[in-house]
N, C-alpha and C. Protein backbone atom coordinates (compact mmCIF):
# COMPACT_ATOMS: atom_id res chain seq x y z
N MET A 1 -8.22 23.49 -5.73
CA MET A 1 -9.15 22.41 -6.01
C MET A 1 -8.49 21.43 -6.98
N LEU A 2 -8.57 20.16 -6.67
CA LEU A 2 -7.97 19.13 -7.51
C LEU A 2 -8.90 18.77 -8.67
N LYS A 3 -8.28 18.38 -9.79
CA LYS A 3 -9.05 17.90 -10.94
C LYS A 3 -9.69 16.57 -10.59
N GLU A 4 -10.73 16.25 -11.33
CA GLU A 4 -11.45 14.98 -11.11
C GLU A 4 -10.53 13.78 -11.33
N SER A 5 -9.67 13.85 -12.34
CA SER A 5 -8.76 12.73 -12.62
C SER A 5 -7.76 12.53 -11.48
N THR A 6 -7.32 13.63 -10.87
CA THR A 6 -6.39 13.52 -9.74
C THR A 6 -7.09 12.95 -8.52
N LYS A 7 -8.34 13.32 -8.32
CA LYS A 7 -9.12 12.76 -7.20
C LYS A 7 -9.29 11.25 -7.38
N LYS A 8 -9.55 10.81 -8.61
CA LYS A 8 -9.69 9.38 -8.88
C LYS A 8 -8.37 8.66 -8.64
N LEU A 9 -7.27 9.28 -9.03
CA LEU A 9 -5.95 8.69 -8.81
C LEU A 9 -5.68 8.52 -7.32
N ILE A 10 -5.98 9.53 -6.54
CA ILE A 10 -5.78 9.46 -5.09
C ILE A 10 -6.68 8.39 -4.48
N HIS A 11 -7.91 8.31 -4.95
CA HIS A 11 -8.83 7.28 -4.44
C HIS A 11 -8.29 5.88 -4.74
N ARG A 12 -7.83 5.67 -5.97
CA ARG A 12 -7.25 4.37 -6.34
C ARG A 12 -6.02 4.06 -5.49
N PHE A 13 -5.19 5.07 -5.28
CA PHE A 13 -3.99 4.90 -4.46
C PHE A 13 -4.36 4.47 -3.05
N ARG A 14 -5.38 5.11 -2.48
CA ARG A 14 -5.80 4.75 -1.12
C ARG A 14 -6.35 3.33 -1.08
N MET A 15 -7.13 2.93 -2.07
CA MET A 15 -7.70 1.58 -2.09
C MET A 15 -6.60 0.53 -2.27
N ILE A 16 -5.63 0.80 -3.13
CA ILE A 16 -4.50 -0.12 -3.30
C ILE A 16 -3.72 -0.21 -1.99
N GLY A 17 -3.55 0.91 -1.30
CA GLY A 17 -2.85 0.91 -0.01
C GLY A 17 -3.53 0.04 1.02
N ILE A 18 -4.84 0.12 1.07
CA ILE A 18 -5.59 -0.71 2.02
C ILE A 18 -5.45 -2.19 1.64
N ALA A 19 -5.59 -2.49 0.36
CA ALA A 19 -5.46 -3.89 -0.09
C ALA A 19 -4.04 -4.40 0.18
N GLU A 20 -3.03 -3.57 -0.04
CA GLU A 20 -1.64 -3.97 0.21
C GLU A 20 -1.43 -4.24 1.70
N GLY A 21 -1.99 -3.39 2.54
CA GLY A 21 -1.87 -3.59 3.98
C GLY A 21 -2.53 -4.87 4.46
N ILE A 22 -3.70 -5.15 3.91
CA ILE A 22 -4.41 -6.38 4.27
C ILE A 22 -3.62 -7.60 3.80
N SER A 23 -3.11 -7.53 2.56
CA SER A 23 -2.35 -8.68 2.05
C SER A 23 -1.08 -8.92 2.87
N PHE A 24 -0.46 -7.85 3.35
CA PHE A 24 0.74 -7.99 4.18
C PHE A 24 0.40 -8.68 5.50
N LEU A 25 -0.71 -8.27 6.11
CA LEU A 25 -1.12 -8.91 7.36
C LEU A 25 -1.51 -10.37 7.15
N VAL A 26 -2.19 -10.66 6.05
CA VAL A 26 -2.54 -12.06 5.75
C VAL A 26 -1.26 -12.87 5.56
N LEU A 27 -0.30 -12.30 4.86
CA LEU A 27 0.97 -13.00 4.65
C LEU A 27 1.67 -13.28 5.98
N LEU A 28 1.74 -12.28 6.84
CA LEU A 28 2.45 -12.45 8.12
C LEU A 28 1.70 -13.31 9.13
N LEU A 29 0.38 -13.12 9.21
CA LEU A 29 -0.38 -13.75 10.29
C LEU A 29 -1.05 -15.07 9.92
N ILE A 30 -1.22 -15.32 8.63
CA ILE A 30 -1.87 -16.57 8.22
C ILE A 30 -0.93 -17.44 7.40
N ALA A 31 -0.39 -16.89 6.32
CA ALA A 31 0.41 -17.70 5.40
C ALA A 31 1.72 -18.18 6.03
N MET A 32 2.42 -17.31 6.73
CA MET A 32 3.69 -17.70 7.34
C MET A 32 3.50 -18.79 8.40
N PRO A 33 2.52 -18.68 9.31
CA PRO A 33 2.30 -19.80 10.23
C PRO A 33 1.91 -21.09 9.52
N LEU A 34 1.12 -20.99 8.45
CA LEU A 34 0.78 -22.20 7.70
C LEU A 34 2.03 -22.87 7.13
N LYS A 35 2.96 -22.05 6.68
CA LYS A 35 4.18 -22.61 6.10
C LYS A 35 5.08 -23.23 7.17
N TYR A 36 5.33 -22.51 8.24
CA TYR A 36 6.33 -22.96 9.20
C TYR A 36 5.80 -23.85 10.31
N ILE A 37 4.53 -23.74 10.63
CA ILE A 37 3.97 -24.58 11.69
C ILE A 37 3.31 -25.83 11.11
N PHE A 38 2.50 -25.62 10.05
CA PHE A 38 1.73 -26.72 9.48
C PHE A 38 2.33 -27.29 8.20
N LYS A 39 3.50 -26.78 7.81
CA LYS A 39 4.23 -27.29 6.63
C LYS A 39 3.40 -27.22 5.34
N ILE A 40 2.74 -26.08 5.14
CA ILE A 40 1.98 -25.85 3.91
C ILE A 40 2.59 -24.64 3.19
N PRO A 41 3.64 -24.85 2.40
CA PRO A 41 4.33 -23.71 1.78
C PRO A 41 3.55 -23.03 0.66
N GLU A 42 2.52 -23.67 0.13
CA GLU A 42 1.75 -23.09 -0.96
C GLU A 42 1.07 -21.78 -0.54
N ALA A 43 0.71 -21.67 0.74
CA ALA A 43 0.04 -20.46 1.21
C ALA A 43 0.92 -19.24 1.01
N VAL A 44 2.20 -19.37 1.36
CA VAL A 44 3.12 -18.24 1.20
C VAL A 44 3.34 -17.95 -0.28
N LYS A 45 3.39 -18.98 -1.07
CA LYS A 45 3.62 -18.78 -2.51
C LYS A 45 2.48 -17.97 -3.13
N ILE A 46 1.26 -18.35 -2.82
CA ILE A 46 0.09 -17.67 -3.40
C ILE A 46 -0.08 -16.27 -2.83
N ILE A 47 -0.13 -16.15 -1.52
CA ILE A 47 -0.31 -14.85 -0.88
C ILE A 47 0.90 -13.95 -1.15
N GLY A 48 2.08 -14.54 -1.21
CA GLY A 48 3.28 -13.77 -1.51
C GLY A 48 3.22 -13.11 -2.88
N TRP A 49 2.74 -13.84 -3.88
CA TRP A 49 2.58 -13.27 -5.22
C TRP A 49 1.57 -12.14 -5.20
N ILE A 50 0.46 -12.35 -4.54
CA ILE A 50 -0.58 -11.31 -4.47
C ILE A 50 -0.03 -10.08 -3.77
N HIS A 51 0.62 -10.29 -2.63
CA HIS A 51 1.18 -9.16 -1.89
C HIS A 51 2.25 -8.44 -2.71
N GLY A 52 3.09 -9.18 -3.39
CA GLY A 52 4.13 -8.57 -4.21
C GLY A 52 3.55 -7.70 -5.30
N ALA A 53 2.51 -8.18 -5.97
CA ALA A 53 1.86 -7.39 -7.02
C ALA A 53 1.23 -6.13 -6.44
N LEU A 54 0.58 -6.26 -5.28
CA LEU A 54 -0.02 -5.08 -4.65
C LEU A 54 1.03 -4.10 -4.17
N PHE A 55 2.16 -4.60 -3.68
CA PHE A 55 3.26 -3.73 -3.24
C PHE A 55 3.79 -2.91 -4.41
N ILE A 56 4.06 -3.58 -5.54
CA ILE A 56 4.56 -2.88 -6.73
C ILE A 56 3.54 -1.85 -7.21
N THR A 57 2.27 -2.22 -7.20
CA THR A 57 1.21 -1.31 -7.62
C THR A 57 1.12 -0.11 -6.69
N PHE A 58 1.25 -0.35 -5.38
CA PHE A 58 1.21 0.74 -4.41
C PHE A 58 2.36 1.72 -4.66
N ILE A 59 3.55 1.22 -4.88
CA ILE A 59 4.70 2.09 -5.13
C ILE A 59 4.51 2.86 -6.43
N TYR A 60 3.99 2.20 -7.47
CA TYR A 60 3.73 2.87 -8.74
C TYR A 60 2.73 4.02 -8.54
N PHE A 61 1.63 3.75 -7.83
CA PHE A 61 0.63 4.79 -7.60
C PHE A 61 1.19 5.90 -6.71
N ALA A 62 2.04 5.56 -5.76
CA ALA A 62 2.66 6.60 -4.93
C ALA A 62 3.50 7.53 -5.80
N PHE A 63 4.21 6.95 -6.76
CA PHE A 63 5.01 7.75 -7.68
C PHE A 63 4.11 8.64 -8.55
N GLU A 64 3.00 8.10 -9.01
CA GLU A 64 2.06 8.88 -9.82
C GLU A 64 1.44 10.02 -9.02
N VAL A 65 1.02 9.74 -7.79
CA VAL A 65 0.44 10.78 -6.93
C VAL A 65 1.48 11.85 -6.63
N MET A 66 2.71 11.43 -6.37
CA MET A 66 3.78 12.38 -6.10
C MET A 66 3.93 13.35 -7.28
N GLY A 67 3.91 12.83 -8.49
CA GLY A 67 4.05 13.69 -9.67
C GLY A 67 2.86 14.57 -9.91
N ASN A 68 1.66 14.02 -9.80
CA ASN A 68 0.44 14.80 -10.07
C ASN A 68 0.14 15.84 -9.01
N CYS A 69 0.45 15.54 -7.77
CA CYS A 69 0.13 16.46 -6.67
C CYS A 69 1.34 17.26 -6.20
N LYS A 70 2.43 17.14 -6.93
CA LYS A 70 3.66 17.89 -6.65
C LYS A 70 4.16 17.68 -5.21
N LYS A 71 4.18 16.43 -4.82
CA LYS A 71 4.74 16.07 -3.51
C LYS A 71 6.25 15.87 -3.67
N ASN A 72 6.98 15.96 -2.57
CA ASN A 72 8.44 15.81 -2.64
C ASN A 72 8.86 14.37 -2.38
N MET A 73 10.16 14.13 -2.48
CA MET A 73 10.69 12.77 -2.28
C MET A 73 10.51 12.31 -0.84
N GLY A 74 10.44 13.22 0.10
CA GLY A 74 10.18 12.86 1.49
C GLY A 74 8.81 12.20 1.64
N TRP A 75 7.83 12.73 0.93
CA TRP A 75 6.49 12.15 0.95
C TRP A 75 6.53 10.74 0.35
N PHE A 76 7.25 10.59 -0.76
CA PHE A 76 7.37 9.28 -1.41
C PHE A 76 8.09 8.30 -0.48
N ALA A 77 9.11 8.77 0.23
CA ALA A 77 9.83 7.91 1.17
C ALA A 77 8.90 7.43 2.28
N LYS A 78 8.02 8.32 2.76
CA LYS A 78 7.03 7.92 3.77
C LYS A 78 6.11 6.83 3.24
N ALA A 79 5.67 6.99 2.00
CA ALA A 79 4.80 5.98 1.38
C ALA A 79 5.53 4.65 1.28
N PHE A 80 6.79 4.68 0.87
CA PHE A 80 7.57 3.45 0.74
C PHE A 80 7.76 2.77 2.10
N ILE A 81 8.11 3.55 3.10
CA ILE A 81 8.31 3.00 4.45
C ILE A 81 6.99 2.43 4.98
N ALA A 82 5.88 3.13 4.70
CA ALA A 82 4.57 2.63 5.14
C ALA A 82 4.26 1.27 4.53
N ALA A 83 4.74 1.04 3.31
CA ALA A 83 4.46 -0.22 2.62
C ALA A 83 5.27 -1.39 3.18
N ILE A 84 6.38 -1.11 3.86
CA ILE A 84 7.20 -2.22 4.37
C ILE A 84 7.04 -2.44 5.87
N ILE A 85 6.21 -1.63 6.51
CA ILE A 85 5.93 -1.80 7.94
C ILE A 85 4.51 -2.34 8.09
N PRO A 86 4.32 -3.40 8.88
CA PRO A 86 2.95 -3.90 9.09
C PRO A 86 2.04 -2.79 9.61
N CYS A 87 0.88 -2.66 9.03
CA CYS A 87 -0.13 -1.64 9.35
C CYS A 87 0.30 -0.22 8.94
N GLY A 88 1.44 -0.09 8.29
CA GLY A 88 1.93 1.22 7.88
C GLY A 88 1.05 1.89 6.85
N THR A 89 0.48 1.12 5.94
CA THR A 89 -0.37 1.73 4.92
C THR A 89 -1.68 2.25 5.51
N PHE A 90 -2.13 1.65 6.59
CA PHE A 90 -3.35 2.14 7.24
C PHE A 90 -3.08 3.50 7.91
N ILE A 91 -1.94 3.63 8.54
CA ILE A 91 -1.55 4.90 9.16
C ILE A 91 -1.33 5.96 8.09
N PHE A 92 -0.67 5.57 6.99
CA PHE A 92 -0.42 6.49 5.89
C PHE A 92 -1.74 6.94 5.25
N ASP A 93 -2.71 6.03 5.15
CA ASP A 93 -4.01 6.39 4.60
C ASP A 93 -4.70 7.43 5.47
N LYS A 94 -4.59 7.28 6.76
CA LYS A 94 -5.19 8.26 7.68
C LYS A 94 -4.56 9.63 7.47
N GLN A 95 -3.25 9.68 7.26
CA GLN A 95 -2.58 10.95 6.99
C GLN A 95 -3.01 11.52 5.64
N LEU A 96 -3.23 10.65 4.66
CA LEU A 96 -3.69 11.13 3.35
C LEU A 96 -5.05 11.80 3.47
N LYS A 97 -5.94 11.22 4.26
CA LYS A 97 -7.27 11.80 4.43
C LYS A 97 -7.22 13.18 5.10
N GLN A 98 -6.19 13.40 5.91
CA GLN A 98 -6.07 14.67 6.62
C GLN A 98 -5.26 15.71 5.87
N ASP A 99 -4.63 15.34 4.77
CA ASP A 99 -3.80 16.26 4.00
C ASP A 99 -4.69 17.22 3.21
N PRO A 100 -4.64 18.52 3.52
CA PRO A 100 -5.52 19.48 2.82
C PRO A 100 -5.17 19.63 1.34
N GLU A 101 -3.94 19.36 0.95
CA GLU A 101 -3.55 19.48 -0.45
C GLU A 101 -4.17 18.38 -1.31
N LEU A 102 -4.59 17.28 -0.70
CA LEU A 102 -5.13 16.15 -1.45
C LEU A 102 -6.66 16.09 -1.38
N GLN A 103 -7.28 17.14 -0.94
CA GLN A 103 -8.75 17.17 -0.83
C GLN A 103 -9.37 17.79 -2.04
């Protein structure tokens, strides 16, 4: 059984993962076309900063979860790869929900 603080950490990690995934899709599907098709580079600048902050936060929380839940570097590598692939964090979140060690 996980401690309450560890459960909160995992919940925050999952929420950051979802936000990071959404920001990545917004960057790719909305901001990039605005920049290159409609010549509005500000969209990428703003969304890029938001996505970058969420990416760093996701990696930080992945490192924290790895330490608290005694996961190995392979697990951390999966989290990192999920963060750089479009929709990867959504797939990773589904795996987190099914992991019996994180319940």
